[in-house]
Amino acid sequence: MQPVEWAGPYKLETLLRRSSETDFELPPADPSVNIITKSGWTATPSTESTPLYVGRITGQSERFRTRVGQLVAHMCGLFVDGKHSGGESLHAYCRQKELDPLGLYIAWARRCVCHRCLEGEVYRELNPMLNKKAPARCPDHG
């Protein structure tokens, strides 16, 4: 896997509580990759942290932070069916397991060479249980 510097993992409740602090690192606007895990980890996520979902923003737009916000809102049940499958899957998982979604962990890549390649690498290495399908291969790097 390409070398990745991850921000986090943060419990979702910590992300929400600290998001207005000037010294707290928010997700980047630029394209990136996020991961949701059931437990925390150090330096890099592993299968022991129970990877639940990996995602990215489609295309090259500078909306990754907005996409993370949508994911978090949808994890908490704030969605209309069919708008964010990752968030909806995480919400259903939390309901089924009687888990507070704010107790899950989130992290994002600070910088990556190619967010499409990284999403695929993380998916193949960690096999997150709630991704409904494998990410498409990167058209630029295969």
Protein backbone atom coordinates (compact mmCIF):
# COMPACT_ATOMS: atom_id res chain seq x y z
CA MET A 1 0.00 0.00 0.00
CA GLN A 2 1.25 3.50 -0.75
CA PRO A 3 2.63 5.27 2.32
CA VAL A 4 -0.24 7.03 4.06
CA GLU A 5 -0.25 9.52 6.89
CA TRP A 6 -3.62 9.20 8.60
CA ALA A 7 -5.34 11.91 10.64
CA GLY A 8 -7.01 10.13 13.52
CA PRO A 9 -8.54 7.83 14.32
CA TYR A 10 -11.01 9.99 16.21
CA LYS A 11 -14.17 8.83 17.88
CA LEU A 12 -16.99 10.47 15.97
CA GLU A 13 -18.10 12.20 19.16
CA THR A 14 -14.61 13.73 19.47
CA LEU A 15 -14.69 14.88 15.84
CA LEU A 16 -18.00 16.65 16.40
CA ARG A 17 -17.04 18.11 19.77
CA ARG A 18 -13.66 19.44 18.66
CA SER A 19 -14.50 20.51 15.09
CA SER A 20 -14.72 24.20 16.01
CA GLU A 21 -11.36 24.28 17.80
CA THR A 22 -8.73 26.16 15.82
CA ASP A 23 -6.04 23.54 16.50
CA PHE A 24 -8.17 20.55 15.43
CA GLU A 25 -7.37 19.14 12.00
CA LEU A 26 -10.50 18.84 9.90
CA PRO A 27 -10.66 16.55 6.85
CA PRO A 28 -9.08 18.12 3.77
CA ALA A 29 -11.16 19.72 1.05
CA ASP A 30 -9.03 18.02 -1.60
CA PRO A 31 -9.85 14.45 -2.67
CA SER A 32 -8.89 11.91 -0.03
CA VAL A 33 -9.95 8.62 1.58
CA ASN A 34 -11.69 7.99 4.89
CA ILE A 35 -12.11 4.88 6.98
CA ILE A 36 -14.58 4.00 9.72
CA THR A 37 -13.52 1.36 12.25
CA LYS A 38 -15.17 -0.15 15.30
CA SER A 39 -12.12 0.40 17.51
CA GLY A 40 -9.14 2.70 17.60
CA TRP A 41 -5.67 1.99 16.23
CA THR A 42 -2.21 3.52 16.08
CA ALA A 43 -0.45 4.80 12.94
CA THR A 44 -2.35 2.69 10.41
CA PRO A 45 -5.66 0.81 10.44
CA SER A 46 -5.57 -2.97 10.62
CA THR A 47 -8.05 -5.81 10.60
CA GLU A 48 -7.87 -5.85 14.42
CA SER A 49 -9.57 -2.43 14.49
CA THR A 50 -12.60 -3.98 12.71
CA PRO A 51 -12.76 -1.92 9.52
CA LEU A 52 -16.38 -1.17 8.70
CA TYR A 53 -16.26 1.18 5.72
CA VAL A 54 -13.77 2.88 3.42
CA GLY A 55 -14.76 5.67 1.09
CA ARG A 56 -13.59 8.63 -0.96
CA ILE A 57 -15.06 11.44 -2.94
CA THR A 58 -15.80 10.69 -6.55
CA GLY A 59 -13.96 12.75 -9.10
CA GLN A 60 -11.47 15.49 -8.33
CA SER A 61 -13.74 18.06 -6.68
CA GLU A 62 -12.74 19.85 -3.51
CA ARG A 63 -15.68 18.50 -1.51
CA PHE A 64 -14.11 15.73 0.55
CA ARG A 65 -14.79 17.50 3.86
CA THR A 66 -18.43 17.97 2.85
CA ARG A 67 -18.64 14.28 1.92
CA VAL A 68 -17.29 13.28 5.34
CA GLY A 69 -19.93 15.51 6.94
CA GLN A 70 -22.64 13.79 4.94
CA LEU A 71 -21.27 10.38 5.93
CA VAL A 72 -21.34 11.29 9.63
CA ALA A 73 -24.85 12.74 9.42
CA HIS A 74 -26.14 9.66 7.62
CA MET A 75 -24.45 7.35 10.14
CA CYS A 76 -26.59 9.10 12.76
CA GLY A 77 -29.78 8.48 10.79
CA LEU A 78 -30.05 11.92 9.19
CA PHE A 79 -30.74 10.83 5.63
CA VAL A 80 -33.35 10.12 3.03
CA ASP A 81 -33.05 6.56 1.72
CA GLY A 82 -30.60 6.04 -1.11
CA LYS A 83 -28.47 9.17 -0.76
CA HIS A 84 -25.29 7.81 0.87
CA SER A 85 -25.05 4.05 0.93
CA GLY A 86 -22.01 4.00 3.25
CA GLY A 87 -23.68 6.13 5.89
CA GLU A 88 -26.91 4.20 5.60
CA SER A 89 -25.09 0.88 5.94
CA LEU A 90 -23.24 2.15 9.01
CA HIS A 91 -26.51 3.41 10.52
CA ALA A 92 -28.19 0.03 9.96
CA TYR A 93 -25.16 -1.78 11.43
CA CYS A 94 -25.25 0.40 14.56
CA ARG A 95 -28.97 -0.21 15.00
CA GLN A 96 -28.57 -3.95 14.53
CA LYS A 97 -25.63 -4.16 16.97
CA GLU A 98 -27.16 -1.59 19.35
CA LEU A 99 -24.07 0.63 19.01
CA ASP A 100 -23.87 4.38 19.33
CA PRO A 101 -22.47 5.60 15.98
CA LEU A 102 -20.64 8.37 17.85
CA GLY A 103 -18.51 5.63 19.44
CA LEU A 104 -17.11 4.50 16.07
CA TYR A 105 -13.76 5.78 14.83
CA ILE A 106 -13.01 7.84 11.74
CA ALA A 107 -9.74 8.70 10.06
CA TRP A 108 -8.72 10.22 6.74
CA ALA A 109 -5.59 10.37 4.68
CA ARG A 110 -3.88 13.73 5.09
CA ARG A 111 -2.41 13.51 1.60
CA CYS A 112 -2.33 10.75 -0.94
CA VAL A 113 -0.87 10.35 -4.39
CA CYS A 114 -4.15 9.06 -5.83
CA HIS A 115 -7.33 8.80 -3.77
CA ARG A 116 -8.85 6.25 -6.15
CA CYS A 117 -5.85 3.94 -5.88
CA LEU A 118 -5.66 4.38 -2.11
CA GLU A 119 -9.33 3.52 -1.63
CA GLY A 120 -8.81 0.30 -3.58
CA GLU A 121 -5.65 -0.57 -1.67
CA VAL A 122 -7.30 -0.02 1.72
CA TYR A 123 -10.35 -2.00 0.62
CA ARG A 124 -8.28 -4.96 -0.61
CA GLU A 125 -5.98 -4.97 2.42
CA LEU A 126 -8.63 -4.52 5.14
CA ASN A 127 -11.84 -5.85 3.55
CA PRO A 128 -14.23 -3.50 5.39
CA MET A 129 -17.42 -5.37 6.18
CA LEU A 130 -19.98 -2.74 5.15
CA ASN A 131 -18.73 -1.71 1.72
CA LYS A 132 -21.35 -3.14 -0.63
CA LYS A 133 -18.97 -3.55 -3.54
CA ALA A 134 -15.30 -3.27 -4.33
CA PRO A 135 -14.14 0.15 -5.51
CA ALA A 136 -13.61 0.49 -9.24
CA ARG A 137 -10.02 0.35 -10.43
CA CYS A 138 -8.34 3.67 -11.04
CA PRO A 139 -8.48 4.46 -14.77
CA ASP A 140 -5.17 6.32 -14.57
CA HIS A 141 -3.08 3.81 -12.59
CA GLY A 142 -4.96 0.51 -13.06
